[in-house]
Amino acid sequence: MRIRYRQAAQTDVTRHFRHYLVNRDLPQVALRFKEAVRRTVHEISLHPLIAPPYLARNPDFQNLRPWPVEGFEAIRIYFIVAGEAIRVVRVLHGKQDIGRILEREKDYAE
């Protein structure tokens, strides 16, 4: 399966990476996080329907599915299976107001 990241998802990964690197001064954790996202998205691409559907109020994301980042379970990858592609929509920490964030998003098929 082809994997595509929305710009918001790329920004999310960068923001989490910078949090570990700059705010927490944990460069090894930052690198481990980035690698964990890559591995987790690869695993999702092999078995995309293993993730349960997310009940989104936003009609643009009725087929959204969340899956935890390996080793960083509080952070979830929110993605949509679209034919032969996985679209990574967002990468969000559980302490964020996920419902509100996703409610404001628009799904621009990229």
C-alpha atoms as a PDB file:
ATOM      1  CA  MET A   1       0.000   0.000   0.000  1.00  0.00           C
ATOM      2  CA  ARG A   2       1.078   3.537  -0.726  1.00  0.00           C
ATOM      3  CA  ILE A   3       1.426   5.823   2.306  1.00  0.00           C
ATOM      4  CA  ARG A   4       0.686   9.546   2.154  1.00  0.00           C
ATOM      5  CA  TYR A   5       1.011  12.025   4.998  1.00  0.00           C
ATOM      6  CA  ARG A   6      -1.176  15.106   5.085  1.00  0.00           C
ATOM      7  CA  GLN A   7       0.750  18.281   5.863  1.00  0.00           C
ATOM      8  CA  ALA A   8      -0.916  18.440   9.299  1.00  0.00           C
ATOM      9  CA  ALA A   9       0.356  14.930  10.106  1.00  0.00           C
ATOM     10  CA  GLN A  10       3.899  15.838   9.049  1.00  0.00           C
ATOM     11  CA  THR A  11       3.695  18.921  11.255  1.00  0.00           C
ATOM     12  CA  ASP A  12       2.434  16.773  14.156  1.00  0.00           C
ATOM     13  CA  VAL A  13       5.393  14.392  13.868  1.00  0.00           C
ATOM     14  CA  THR A  14       7.823  17.314  13.753  1.00  0.00           C
ATOM     15  CA  ARG A  15       6.149  18.931  16.776  1.00  0.00           C
ATOM     16  CA  HIS A  16       6.390  15.727  18.856  1.00  0.00           C
ATOM     17  CA  PHE A  17       9.992  15.193  17.732  1.00  0.00           C
ATOM     18  CA  ARG A  18      10.924  18.756  18.741  1.00  0.00           C
ATOM     19  CA  HIS A  19       9.163  18.310  22.084  1.00  0.00           C
ATOM     20  CA  TYR A  20      11.457  15.394  22.954  1.00  0.00           C
ATOM     21  CA  LEU A  21      14.544  16.998  21.436  1.00  0.00           C
ATOM     22  CA  VAL A  22      14.240  20.626  22.582  1.00  0.00           C
ATOM     23  CA  ASN A  23      11.729  20.839  25.437  1.00  0.00           C
ATOM     24  CA  ARG A  24      12.724  17.617  27.173  1.00  0.00           C
ATOM     25  CA  ASP A  25      16.376  17.469  25.992  1.00  0.00           C
ATOM     26  CA  LEU A  26      16.010  13.789  25.108  1.00  0.00           C
ATOM     27  CA  PRO A  27      17.621  13.387  21.667  1.00  0.00           C
ATOM     28  CA  GLN A  28      17.627   9.576  21.794  1.00  0.00           C
ATOM     29  CA  VAL A  29      13.912   9.537  22.605  1.00  0.00           C
ATOM     30  CA  ALA A  30      13.247  11.998  19.771  1.00  0.00           C
ATOM     31  CA  LEU A  31      15.029   9.716  17.291  1.00  0.00           C
ATOM     32  CA  ARG A  32      13.283   6.650  18.712  1.00  0.00           C
ATOM     33  CA  PHE A  33       9.926   8.411  18.324  1.00  0.00           C
ATOM     34  CA  LYS A  34      10.539   9.258  14.673  1.00  0.00           C
ATOM     35  CA  GLU A  35      11.587   5.680  13.924  1.00  0.00           C
ATOM     36  CA  ALA A  36       8.579   4.328  15.867  1.00  0.00           C
ATOM     37  CA  VAL A  37       6.211   6.410  13.728  1.00  0.00           C
ATOM     38  CA  ARG A  38       7.820   5.045  10.563  1.00  0.00           C
ATOM     39  CA  ARG A  39       7.583   1.430  11.801  1.00  0.00           C
ATOM     40  CA  THR A  40       4.018   1.843  13.017  1.00  0.00           C
ATOM     41  CA  VAL A  41       2.823   3.335   9.737  1.00  0.00           C
ATOM     42  CA  HIS A  42       4.510   0.465   7.900  1.00  0.00           C
ATOM     43  CA  GLU A  43       2.677  -2.050  10.131  1.00  0.00           C
ATOM     44  CA  ILE A  44      -0.599  -0.211   9.529  1.00  0.00           C
ATOM     45  CA  SER A  45      -0.012  -0.492   5.775  1.00  0.00           C
ATOM     46  CA  LEU A  46       0.276  -4.274   6.120  1.00  0.00           C
ATOM     47  CA  HIS A  47      -2.893  -4.644   8.232  1.00  0.00           C
ATOM     48  CA  PRO A  48      -4.909  -1.410   7.930  1.00  0.00           C
ATOM     49  CA  LEU A  49      -8.249  -2.783   9.098  1.00  0.00           C
ATOM     50  CA  ILE A  50      -6.829  -3.998  12.422  1.00  0.00           C
ATOM     51  CA  ALA A  51      -7.431  -0.504  13.835  1.00  0.00           C
ATOM     52  CA  PRO A  52     -10.974   0.157  15.067  1.00  0.00           C
ATOM     53  CA  PRO A  53     -13.005   2.935  13.449  1.00  0.00           C
ATOM     54  CA  TYR A  54     -12.952   6.310  15.190  1.00  0.00           C
ATOM     55  CA  LEU A  55     -16.390   7.812  15.711  1.00  0.00           C
ATOM     56  CA  ALA A  56     -15.736  11.247  14.270  1.00  0.00           C
ATOM     57  CA  ARG A  57     -18.403  13.937  14.196  1.00  0.00           C
ATOM     58  CA  ASN A  58     -16.671  15.482  11.211  1.00  0.00           C
ATOM     59  CA  PRO A  59     -18.286  14.037   8.047  1.00  0.00           C
ATOM     60  CA  ASP A  60     -14.942  14.314   6.225  1.00  0.00           C
ATOM     61  CA  PHE A  61     -13.502  11.645   8.530  1.00  0.00           C
ATOM     62  CA  GLN A  62     -16.159   8.943   8.768  1.00  0.00           C
ATOM     63  CA  ASN A  63     -13.580   6.281   7.817  1.00  0.00           C
ATOM     64  CA  LEU A  64     -10.886   7.483  10.211  1.00  0.00           C
ATOM     65  CA  ARG A  65      -8.999   4.901  12.289  1.00  0.00           C
ATOM     66  CA  PRO A  66      -6.572   5.469  15.209  1.00  0.00           C
ATOM     67  CA  TRP A  67      -3.568   3.321  16.088  1.00  0.00           C
ATOM     68  CA  PRO A  68      -0.946   3.884  18.828  1.00  0.00           C
ATOM     69  CA  VAL A  69       2.643   4.642  17.937  1.00  0.00           C
ATOM     70  CA  GLU A  70       4.739   1.647  18.999  1.00  0.00           C
ATOM     71  CA  GLY A  71       6.454   2.500  22.289  1.00  0.00           C
ATOM     72  CA  PHE A  72       4.585   5.831  22.545  1.00  0.00           C
ATOM     73  CA  GLU A  73       1.065   4.533  23.129  1.00  0.00           C
ATOM     74  CA  ALA A  74      -0.287   7.911  24.293  1.00  0.00           C
ATOM     75  CA  ILE A  75       0.332   9.184  20.767  1.00  0.00           C
ATOM     76  CA  ARG A  76      -1.948   7.839  18.053  1.00  0.00           C
ATOM     77  CA  ILE A  77      -1.770   7.875  14.305  1.00  0.00           C
ATOM     78  CA  TYR A  78      -5.130   8.818  12.770  1.00  0.00           C
ATOM     79  CA  PHE A  79      -5.438   7.488   9.240  1.00  0.00           C
ATOM     80  CA  ILE A  80      -7.864   6.663   6.445  1.00  0.00           C
ATOM     81  CA  VAL A  81      -7.684   3.647   4.154  1.00  0.00           C
ATOM     82  CA  ALA A  82      -8.435   4.935   0.659  1.00  0.00           C
ATOM     83  CA  GLY A  83      -8.255   2.175  -1.937  1.00  0.00           C
ATOM     84  CA  GLU A  84      -4.632   1.099  -2.167  1.00  0.00           C
ATOM     85  CA  ALA A  85      -3.382   3.983  -0.058  1.00  0.00           C
ATOM     86  CA  ILE A  86      -3.111   4.915   3.591  1.00  0.00           C
ATOM     87  CA  ARG A  87      -3.598   8.623   4.273  1.00  0.00           C
ATOM     88  CA  VAL A  88      -2.097   9.648   7.593  1.00  0.00           C
ATOM     89  CA  VAL A  89      -4.364  12.483   8.707  1.00  0.00           C
ATOM     90  CA  ARG A  90      -2.932  13.454  12.112  1.00  0.00           C
ATOM     91  CA  VAL A  91      -0.517  12.185  14.785  1.00  0.00           C
ATOM     92  CA  LEU A  92      -1.945  13.336  18.131  1.00  0.00           C
ATOM     93  CA  HIS A  93      -1.214  12.877  21.824  1.00  0.00           C
ATOM     94  CA  GLY A  94      -4.091  11.630  23.975  1.00  0.00           C
ATOM     95  CA  LYS A  95      -3.900  14.751  26.168  1.00  0.00           C
ATOM     96  CA  GLN A  96      -4.850  16.913  23.201  1.00  0.00           C
ATOM     97  CA  ASP A  97      -8.523  17.680  22.534  1.00  0.00           C
ATOM     98  CA  ILE A  98      -8.680  15.204  19.673  1.00  0.00           C
ATOM     99  CA  GLY A  99     -12.405  15.539  19.022  1.00  0.00           C
ATOM    100  CA  ARG A 100     -12.128  19.292  18.702  1.00  0.00           C
ATOM    101  CA  ILE A 101      -8.997  19.124  16.526  1.00  0.00           C
ATOM    102  CA  LEU A 102     -10.564  16.642  14.117  1.00  0.00           C
ATOM    103  CA  GLU A 103     -13.861  18.520  14.084  1.00  0.00           C
ATOM    104  CA  ARG A 104     -12.045  21.569  12.666  1.00  0.00           C
ATOM    105  CA  GLU A 105     -10.105  19.625  10.025  1.00  0.00           C
ATOM    106  CA  LYS A 106     -11.066  19.420   6.387  1.00  0.00           C
ATOM    107  CA  ASP A 107     -10.221  16.331   4.385  1.00  0.00           C
ATOM    108  CA  TYR A 108      -8.481  17.535   1.297  1.00  0.00           C
ATOM    109  CA  ALA A 109      -7.824  14.380  -0.676  1.00  0.00           C
ATOM    110  CA  GLU A 110      -4.153  14.762  -1.375  1.00  0.00           C
END
